[in-house]
Protein backbone atom coordinates (compact mmCIF):
# COMPACT_ATOMS: atom_id res chain seq x y z
CA UNK A 1 0.49 13.34 1.81
CA UNK A 2 -1.04 10.09 3.01
CA UNK A 3 -4.73 9.59 3.55
CA UNK A 4 -4.23 9.49 7.30
CA UNK A 5 -2.56 12.91 7.07
CA UNK A 6 -5.83 14.51 6.03
CA UNK A 7 -7.37 16.67 8.71
CA UNK A 8 -11.14 16.18 8.73
CA UNK A 9 -11.81 19.79 9.71
CA UNK A 10 -9.75 21.02 6.77
CA UNK A 11 -11.14 18.41 4.40
CA UNK A 12 -14.72 19.51 5.03
CA UNK A 13 -13.89 23.16 5.81
CA UNK A 14 -16.17 23.14 8.86
CA UNK A 15 -17.05 26.84 8.61
CA UNK A 16 -18.49 26.22 5.13
CA UNK A 17 -19.86 22.77 5.90
CA UNK A 18 -22.00 23.79 8.87
CA UNK A 19 -24.42 25.96 6.80
CA UNK A 20 -24.82 23.02 4.40
CA UNK A 21 -25.41 20.76 7.39
CA UNK A 22 -28.05 23.18 8.70
CA UNK A 23 -29.85 23.15 5.34
CA UNK A 24 -29.74 19.36 5.15
CA UNK A 25 -31.16 19.12 8.66
CA UNK A 26 -33.99 21.52 7.82
CA UNK A 27 -34.72 19.75 4.53
CA UNK A 28 -34.71 16.24 6.01
CA UNK A 29 -36.18 17.21 9.39
CA UNK A 30 -33.51 15.29 11.23
CA UNK A 31 -30.75 16.26 13.63
CA UNK A 32 -27.24 16.18 12.10
CA UNK A 33 -23.76 16.32 13.57
CA UNK A 34 -20.32 15.54 12.10
CA UNK A 35 -17.80 13.53 14.14
CA UNK A 36 -14.21 12.38 13.81
CA UNK A 37 -13.22 8.71 13.84
CA UNK A 38 -13.16 8.71 17.65
CA UNK A 39 -16.78 9.88 17.83
CA UNK A 40 -15.85 13.42 18.93
CA UNK A 41 -17.96 16.16 17.29
CA UNK A 42 -16.17 18.54 14.93
CA UNK A 43 -19.27 20.50 13.97
CA UNK A 44 -22.18 22.03 15.81
CA UNK A 45 -25.36 20.00 16.23
CA UNK A 46 -27.93 21.03 13.64
CA UNK A 47 -31.57 20.79 14.81
CA UNK A 48 -30.74 18.75 17.91
CA UNK A 49 -33.92 17.56 19.62
CA UNK A 50 -34.88 18.55 23.15
CA UNK A 51 -34.59 14.93 24.28
CA UNK A 52 -31.04 14.52 22.96
CA UNK A 53 -30.07 17.91 24.36
CA UNK A 54 -30.80 16.58 27.86
CA UNK A 55 -28.97 13.31 27.17
CA UNK A 56 -25.90 14.89 25.57
CA UNK A 57 -25.52 17.53 28.27
CA UNK A 58 -25.41 14.91 31.00
CA UNK A 59 -21.74 13.98 31.67
CA UNK A 60 -22.53 10.25 31.99
CA UNK A 61 -24.83 9.72 29.04
CA UNK A 62 -22.85 12.10 26.84
CA UNK A 63 -19.97 9.59 26.88
CA UNK A 64 -22.39 6.89 25.78
CA UNK A 65 -23.48 9.09 22.87
CA UNK A 66 -19.86 9.47 21.80
CA UNK A 67 -19.33 5.73 22.11
CA UNK A 68 -22.41 4.99 20.01
CA UNK A 69 -21.31 7.46 17.35
CA UNK A 70 -17.81 5.96 17.19
CA UNK A 71 -19.07 2.36 17.01
CA UNK A 72 -21.68 3.23 14.38
CA UNK A 73 -19.08 4.93 12.19
CA UNK A 74 -16.87 1.84 12.29
CA UNK A 75 -19.83 -0.39 11.46
CA UNK A 76 -20.66 1.83 8.48
CA UNK A 77 -17.08 1.41 7.25
CA UNK A 78 -17.28 -2.37 7.69
CA UNK A 79 -20.51 -2.49 5.67
CA UNK A 80 -19.26 0.10 3.18
CA UNK A 81 -22.60 1.92 3.38
CA UNK A 82 -24.59 4.13 5.79
CA UNK A 83 -25.48 2.25 8.97
CA UNK A 84 -28.98 2.62 10.46
CA UNK A 85 -29.25 1.62 14.12
CA UNK A 86 -30.84 2.20 17.53
CA UNK A 87 -28.63 4.16 19.91
CA UNK A 88 -28.26 3.54 23.64
CA UNK A 89 -31.50 5.45 24.22
CA UNK A 90 -33.42 3.36 21.72
CA UNK A 91 -33.89 6.07 19.07
CA UNK A 92 -32.94 5.79 15.39
CA UNK A 93 -29.64 7.29 14.24
CA UNK A 94 -27.60 6.82 11.05
CA UNK A 95 -23.83 6.95 10.45
CA UNK A 96 -22.63 8.04 6.99
CA UNK A 97 -18.86 7.37 6.78
CA UNK A 98 -16.33 9.93 5.51
CA UNK A 99 -13.55 8.11 3.66
CA UNK A 100 -10.41 9.05 1.73
CA UNK A 101 -9.46 5.94 -0.17
CA UNK A 102 -9.67 3.23 2.46
CA UNK A 103 -8.91 5.59 5.34
CA UNK A 104 -11.81 6.31 7.71
CA UNK A 105 -11.78 9.92 8.94
CA UNK A 106 -15.17 10.32 10.59
CA UNK A 107 -18.88 10.33 9.86
CA UNK A 108 -21.91 12.50 9.33
CA UNK A 109 -24.50 11.38 11.88
CA UNK A 110 -28.19 12.09 11.44
CA UNK A 111 -31.43 10.93 13.00
CA UNK A 112 -32.86 11.42 16.49
CA UNK A 113 -36.17 10.06 15.21
CA UNK A 114 -38.54 7.23 16.15
CA UNK A 115 -40.02 4.63 13.86
CA UNK A 116 -43.84 4.67 13.72
CA UNK A 117 -45.51 1.86 15.64
CA UNK A 118 -45.44 -1.29 13.58
CA UNK A 119 -42.77 -0.02 11.17
CA UNK A 120 -40.15 -2.67 11.87
CA UNK A 121 -39.60 -3.86 8.30
CA UNK A 122 -36.24 -2.18 8.33
CA UNK A 123 -34.91 -4.60 10.95
CA UNK A 124 -33.09 -1.81 12.76
CA UNK A 125 -30.80 -3.42 15.30
CA UNK A 126 -29.66 -2.02 18.62
CA UNK A 127 -26.03 -0.94 18.49
CA UNK A 128 -25.42 -1.48 22.21
CA UNK A 129 -27.37 -3.61 24.63
CA UNK A 130 -27.87 -1.18 27.46
CA UNK A 131 -30.41 1.63 27.54
CA UNK A 132 -29.12 5.01 28.71
CA UNK A 133 -28.11 5.14 32.37
CA UNK A 134 -29.57 8.62 32.71
CA UNK A 135 -31.75 8.74 35.79
CA UNK A 136 -33.80 11.79 36.64
CA UNK A 137 -33.87 12.23 40.42
CA UNK A 138 -37.34 13.71 40.65
CA UNK A 139 -40.64 12.38 39.37
CA UNK A 140 -41.35 15.62 37.54
CA UNK A 141 -37.97 15.41 35.80
CA UNK A 142 -38.65 11.83 34.70
CA UNK A 143 -42.03 12.80 33.36
CA UNK A 144 -40.55 15.77 31.50
CA UNK A 145 -37.85 13.58 29.92
CA UNK A 146 -40.45 11.03 28.83
CA UNK A 147 -42.49 13.85 27.31
CA UNK A 148 -39.42 14.99 25.34
CA UNK A 149 -38.92 11.40 24.15
CA UNK A 150 -42.52 11.21 22.90
CA UNK A 151 -41.98 14.51 21.03
CA UNK A 152 -39.20 12.99 18.93
CA UNK A 153 -40.32 13.07 15.28
CA UNK A 154 -41.52 9.82 13.75
CA UNK A 155 -40.11 8.77 10.40
CA UNK A 156 -40.73 5.72 8.24
CA UNK A 157 -37.78 3.44 7.60
CA UNK A 158 -37.96 3.95 3.82
CA UNK A 159 -37.63 7.71 4.30
CA UNK A 160 -34.60 7.22 6.54
CA UNK A 161 -32.94 5.16 3.80
CA UNK A 162 -33.63 7.92 1.25
CA UNK A 163 -32.01 10.53 3.48
CA UNK A 164 -29.03 8.25 4.13
CA UNK A 165 -28.46 7.87 0.40
CA UNK A 166 -28.77 11.63 -0.13
CA UNK A 167 -26.26 12.55 2.58
CA UNK A 168 -23.92 9.79 1.46
CA UNK A 169 -23.92 11.21 -2.09
CA UNK A 170 -23.24 14.73 -0.78
CA UNK A 171 -20.34 13.54 1.39
CA UNK A 172 -18.78 11.48 -1.40
CA UNK A 173 -19.03 14.38 -3.82
CA UNK A 174 -17.42 16.88 -1.44
CA UNK A 175 -14.59 14.54 -0.44
CA UNK A 176 -13.98 13.53 -4.05
CA UNK A 177 -13.69 17.13 -5.19
CA UNK A 178 -11.33 18.07 -2.36
CA UNK A 179 -9.06 15.07 -2.94
CA UNK A 180 -8.99 15.61 -6.70
CA UNK A 181 -8.23 19.31 -6.29
CA UNK A 182 -5.37 18.56 -3.93
CA UNK A 183 -4.01 15.82 -6.20
CA UNK A 184 -4.05 18.16 -9.20
CA UNK A 185 -2.32 20.91 -7.25
CA UNK A 186 0.37 18.61 -5.86
CA UNK A 187 1.01 17.03 -9.26
CA UNK A 188 1.47 20.48 -10.75
CA UNK A 189 3.81 21.54 -7.94
CA UNK A 190 5.90 18.38 -8.28
CA UNK A 191 6.35 18.92 -12.00
CA UNK A 192 7.21 22.60 -11.53
CA UNK A 193 9.70 21.82 -8.74
CA UNK A 194 11.34 19.03 -10.67
CA UNK A 195 14.62 19.83 -12.29
CA UNK A 196 14.98 19.01 -15.95
CA UNK A 197 15.87 15.43 -16.76
CA UNK A 198 19.59 14.53 -16.97
CA UNK A 199 21.29 16.19 -19.98
CA UNK A 200 21.74 13.95 -23.00
CA UNK A 201 24.77 13.88 -25.28
CA UNK A 202 24.53 13.36 -28.98
CA UNK A 203 26.00 9.89 -29.45
CA UNK A 204 26.59 10.27 -33.15
CA UNK A 205 28.09 13.77 -32.91
CA UNK A 206 30.15 12.90 -29.85
CA UNK A 207 29.82 16.41 -28.42
CA UNK A 208 29.25 17.57 -24.87
CA UNK A 209 26.31 19.78 -25.87
CA UNK A 210 23.31 18.88 -23.70
CA UNK A 211 20.25 17.89 -25.69
CA UNK A 212 16.85 18.78 -24.21
CA UNK A 213 14.92 15.80 -22.87
CA UNK A 214 11.75 15.15 -24.84
CA UNK A 215 8.49 15.75 -23.07
CA UNK A 216 6.77 12.49 -22.25
CA UNK A 217 3.06 12.01 -22.21
CA UNK A 218 1.84 10.56 -18.93
CA UNK A 219 -0.15 7.45 -19.87
CA UNK A 220 -3.22 8.16 -17.73
CA UNK A 221 -5.73 11.00 -17.64
CA UNK A 222 -5.13 13.88 -15.24
CA UNK A 223 -8.20 12.94 -13.22
CA UNK A 224 -6.90 9.40 -12.66
CA UNK A 225 -6.28 8.59 -8.96
CA UNK A 226 -2.75 7.39 -9.84
CA UNK A 227 -1.84 10.41 -11.99
CA UNK A 228 0.23 12.15 -9.26
CA UNK A 229 2.43 9.04 -8.89
CA UNK A 230 3.13 8.85 -12.61
CA UNK A 231 3.75 12.60 -12.83
CA UNK A 232 6.32 12.28 -10.07
CA UNK A 233 7.90 9.15 -11.58
CA UNK A 234 8.35 10.77 -15.00
CA UNK A 235 9.88 13.90 -13.45
CA UNK A 236 12.29 11.94 -11.22
CA UNK A 237 14.07 9.37 -13.37
CA UNK A 238 16.93 9.16 -10.91
CA UNK A 239 14.88 7.91 -7.98
CA UNK A 240 14.13 4.27 -7.25
CA UNK A 241 10.65 4.79 -5.88
CA UNK A 242 8.73 2.57 -3.51
CA UNK A 243 5.07 1.78 -4.06
CA UNK A 244 4.23 2.95 -0.53
CA UNK A 245 5.66 6.39 -1.35
CA UNK A 246 3.58 6.64 -4.50
CA UNK A 247 0.45 5.53 -2.65
CA UNK A 248 0.99 8.36 -0.17
CA UNK A 249 1.36 10.89 -2.98
CA UNK A 250 -2.02 9.76 -4.29
CA UNK A 251 -3.64 9.83 -0.83
CA UNK A 252 -4.39 6.10 -1.07
CA UNK A 253 -3.56 3.04 0.98
CA UNK A 254 -0.86 0.85 -0.55
CA UNK A 255 -3.27 -1.99 -1.27
CA UNK A 256 -5.85 0.26 -2.94
CA UNK A 257 -3.17 2.07 -4.94
CA UNK A 258 -1.84 -1.29 -6.14
CA UNK A 259 -5.29 -2.35 -7.36
CA UNK A 260 -5.91 0.97 -9.13
CA UNK A 261 -2.46 1.01 -10.72
CA UNK A 262 -2.88 -2.53 -12.06
CA UNK A 263 -6.27 -1.60 -13.47
CA UNK A 264 -5.05 1.64 -15.09
CA UNK A 265 -1.67 0.46 -16.46
CA UNK A 266 -2.17 -3.27 -16.91
CA UNK A 267 0.75 -4.28 -14.69
CA UNK A 268 1.86 -3.78 -11.12
CA UNK A 269 3.82 -0.71 -10.05
CA UNK A 270 7.16 -2.50 -9.53
CA UNK A 271 7.12 -4.07 -12.99
CA UNK A 272 6.02 -0.81 -14.60
CA UNK A 273 8.83 1.12 -12.86
CA UNK A 274 11.49 -1.36 -14.03
CA UNK A 275 10.13 -1.42 -17.58
CA UNK A 276 10.09 2.38 -17.70
CA UNK A 277 13.68 2.61 -16.46
CA UNK A 278 14.77 0.10 -19.09
CA UNK A 279 13.09 2.23 -21.75
CA UNK A 280 14.94 5.31 -20.52
CA UNK A 281 18.16 3.31 -20.40
CA UNK A 282 17.70 2.32 -24.05
CA UNK A 283 17.31 6.00 -24.98
CA UNK A 284 20.51 6.88 -23.15
CA UNK A 285 22.39 3.95 -24.69
CA UNK A 286 21.38 5.12 -28.16
CA UNK A 287 21.73 8.86 -27.68
CA UNK A 288 24.63 9.36 -25.23
CA UNK A 289 28.17 8.13 -24.75
CA UNK A 290 27.69 7.57 -21.02
CA UNK A 291 29.05 4.39 -19.53
CA UNK A 292 26.82 1.60 -18.26
CA UNK A 293 27.71 2.60 -14.70
CA UNK A 294 26.78 6.25 -15.34
CA UNK A 295 23.45 5.29 -16.84
CA UNK A 296 22.78 2.92 -13.93
CA UNK A 297 23.52 5.70 -11.43
CA UNK A 298 21.39 8.29 -13.22
CA UNK A 299 18.42 5.94 -13.24
CA UNK A 300 18.67 5.29 -9.51
CA UNK A 301 19.92 1.69 -9.50
CA UNK A 302 21.99 0.76 -6.44
CA UNK A 303 24.69 -0.88 -8.56
CA UNK A 304 25.37 -1.54 -12.22
CA UNK A 305 25.14 -5.33 -11.85
CA UNK A 306 21.51 -5.06 -10.77
CA UNK A 307 20.83 -2.64 -13.60
CA UNK A 308 22.32 -5.11 -16.10
CA UNK A 309 20.22 -7.92 -14.62
CA UNK A 310 16.98 -5.91 -14.91
CA UNK A 311 17.82 -4.73 -18.42
CA UNK A 312 18.56 -8.27 -19.62
CA UNK A 313 15.33 -9.57 -18.05
CA UNK A 314 13.29 -7.20 -20.21
CA UNK A 315 15.40 -7.00 -23.37
CA UNK A 316 17.07 -10.41 -23.48
CA UNK A 317 20.55 -8.89 -23.88
CA UNK A 318 22.88 -6.80 -21.73
CA UNK A 319 23.00 -2.98 -22.05
CA UNK A 320 26.43 -3.16 -23.70
CA UNK A 321 25.23 -5.72 -26.23
CA UNK A 322 22.22 -3.51 -26.94
CA UNK A 323 24.44 -0.52 -27.62
CA UNK A 324 26.79 -2.55 -29.84
CA UNK A 325 23.86 -4.06 -31.71
CA UNK A 326 22.45 -0.62 -32.47
CA UNK A 327 25.68 1.03 -33.62
CA UNK A 328 28.21 -1.59 -34.61
CA UNK A 329 26.24 -4.11 -36.66
C-alpha cells in the first residue's frame, strides 16, 4: 500500500485520537483541530474559543479558515517543521504536519491565542494579507465580536514553540507506530502467502527429488523501513520487481525508498536485485540440472540472453562456463 493510500481517519483512529486531542487542548490551554491535506476538519474542535466559533460558523469566513489551515499545512511541510503564523483574523495558529514518508496527509492545528503586547520576538508572519471579511451588521454585534477577540488567551511566543514541539513529537510517535505495525503485519502476511521457493534437484545425485530451499536471513532488521521490500523479494525469486513497487510496499515515496535502501544495503535497489538473482542462479547451477533457460525463467528474466549478460557482468563468465568450471575442472 502506497503512502497516498493511507486514510488519515484510519491512521489516527479519530475516535481514539479525539480524547487525546481534548487532553492536549486542556493541558496546553489552546484550541486544537485535526484537518486533512485540503484543510477540511476530520476531528471535532477541542476547546474552540468563542471568537473562532463565530468566525467558523459564518459561511464566508469559514472558507477562509479552511484556506488558512490548508496553506499553513503546506508551509509546515515545506519547512519540515511546525509552522507558526497569523491567520486571516490576525490571531496566532500553528500547523503541525502529519506525514507518512514524504506524503503529506494533513495537520494538527492548534492556537487561537494572541501574543502579549510587545512580544514580537518570534517574528510571526501573516499567512494571508487580508483580514477576515466578517462584518457584523449591528453595532452591538460588532462590539460583542470585539469583546470575544479581546478574551482570546494571551501566550508568549516561547510557550507556543514548546507546545508545537510537544504536539509534533506526539504526532510523529503515533504515525511511526501505526506505519511500523502495518509494515510488520504486511511483511508477515507476504511471507505466509508466499509459496515455497522453486524445488531444487540434487545435481550430483541426478534425481528428481525436490530439495527444500534453505531459509535465508533477510539482511536488515525487522524494524527497518525497507524490511517489507526485502521480505517480499526473498519470498518471490521468480519476479523481476520494480523499485516503485517495493517503495509502495514500504509506504514510502520512490525517492525516499531509494535513499533508505542505499543507506541500509550499501547499493541501489536495481543493483542489489541483480546481484541477488545472480547469487540464486549460482546456487541453481551448482545444485540442479536445470538448463540455463529454465533458470533464467525461474528467476524472472525476460529472456536467457539478458540473464547471461547480467550473470557475466557480475561473475566475469557465462552461467554455462560457471557450471563447467565447478563440476568439470
